[in-house]
């Protein structure tokens, strides 16, 4: 059940990350929400490694938004570099 909550929180975190980091993304809304879901999983496992969450806990919403923003920034950086090389 915690994985389903992580997916839901990640979807919402991706939407909030998109609102906090406006701009054109090559993948659009779909990529941003997928990065939000990935950010939620990163936040969950990082939080478990640091002892903030138990194994049965989903990541917190703020941690998921921060994870999504970090992944979105990395994604934009990688896409920009790839476009500069081509």
Protein backbone atom coordinates (compact mmCIF):
# COMPACT_ATOMS: atom_id res chain seq x y z
CA UNK A 1 0.00 0.00 0.00
CA UNK A 2 2.90 2.38 0.68
CA UNK A 3 4.01 2.08 -2.95
CA UNK A 4 0.59 3.26 -4.13
CA UNK A 5 0.78 6.24 -1.76
CA UNK A 6 4.28 6.99 -3.01
CA UNK A 7 2.96 6.99 -6.59
CA UNK A 8 0.10 9.34 -5.70
CA UNK A 9 2.35 11.66 -3.70
CA UNK A 10 4.92 11.56 -6.51
CA UNK A 11 2.32 12.52 -9.10
CA UNK A 12 1.24 15.50 -7.02
CA UNK A 13 4.87 16.39 -6.24
CA UNK A 14 5.66 16.41 -9.97
CA UNK A 15 2.81 18.83 -10.59
CA UNK A 16 3.99 21.12 -7.78
CA UNK A 17 7.60 20.91 -9.02
CA UNK A 18 6.41 22.00 -12.46
CA UNK A 19 4.63 24.97 -10.90
CA UNK A 20 7.72 25.91 -8.87
CA UNK A 21 10.09 25.51 -11.84
CA UNK A 22 8.28 27.05 -14.80
CA UNK A 23 9.75 26.79 -18.22
CA UNK A 24 9.71 24.61 -21.25
CA UNK A 25 10.57 21.01 -20.66
CA UNK A 26 11.28 18.76 -23.63
CA UNK A 27 9.02 16.04 -22.24
CA UNK A 28 6.21 18.26 -21.04
CA UNK A 29 3.80 17.38 -18.27
CA UNK A 30 4.17 13.60 -18.60
CA UNK A 31 7.94 13.64 -18.06
CA UNK A 32 7.55 16.08 -15.18
CA UNK A 33 5.06 13.85 -13.38
CA UNK A 34 7.24 10.80 -13.98
CA UNK A 35 10.16 12.70 -12.52
CA UNK A 36 7.91 13.60 -9.58
CA UNK A 37 7.13 9.94 -9.00
CA UNK A 38 10.83 9.10 -9.23
CA UNK A 39 11.58 11.97 -6.84
CA UNK A 40 9.09 10.54 -4.35
CA UNK A 41 10.80 7.15 -4.50
CA UNK A 42 14.23 8.77 -4.13
CA UNK A 43 12.96 10.78 -1.15
CA UNK A 44 11.44 7.65 0.39
CA UNK A 45 14.57 5.53 0.10
CA UNK A 46 16.88 8.36 1.11
CA UNK A 47 14.64 9.05 4.11
CA UNK A 48 14.75 5.36 5.03
CA UNK A 49 18.55 5.37 4.76
CA UNK A 50 18.75 8.43 7.03
CA UNK A 51 16.26 6.96 9.51
CA UNK A 52 13.50 9.52 8.85
CA UNK A 53 11.01 6.96 7.54
CA UNK A 54 10.23 3.37 8.43
CA UNK A 55 10.00 0.75 5.74
CA UNK A 56 6.20 0.96 5.78
CA UNK A 57 6.07 4.78 5.45
CA UNK A 58 5.60 6.76 2.28
CA UNK A 59 7.80 9.79 1.72
CA UNK A 60 6.53 13.12 2.96
CA UNK A 61 5.05 15.52 0.45
CA UNK A 62 7.69 18.22 0.92
CA UNK A 63 10.52 15.70 0.59
CA UNK A 64 8.90 14.37 -2.58
CA UNK A 65 8.62 17.87 -4.05
CA UNK A 66 12.29 18.53 -3.26
CA UNK A 67 13.24 15.20 -4.88
CA UNK A 68 11.15 16.05 -7.94
CA UNK A 69 12.73 19.51 -8.24
CA UNK A 70 16.22 18.02 -8.03
CA UNK A 71 15.44 15.41 -10.68
CA UNK A 72 13.75 18.00 -12.91
CA UNK A 73 16.79 20.29 -12.65
CA UNK A 74 19.12 17.39 -13.50
CA UNK A 75 16.88 16.42 -16.41
CA UNK A 76 16.92 19.96 -17.80
CA UNK A 77 20.70 20.12 -17.40
CA UNK A 78 21.22 16.81 -19.22
CA UNK A 79 18.83 17.68 -22.04
CA UNK A 80 20.46 21.10 -22.50
CA UNK A 81 23.92 19.53 -22.68
CA UNK A 82 22.71 16.95 -25.17
CA UNK A 83 21.23 19.72 -27.34
CA UNK A 84 24.51 21.69 -27.18
CA UNK A 85 26.52 18.66 -28.31
CA UNK A 86 24.26 17.93 -31.31
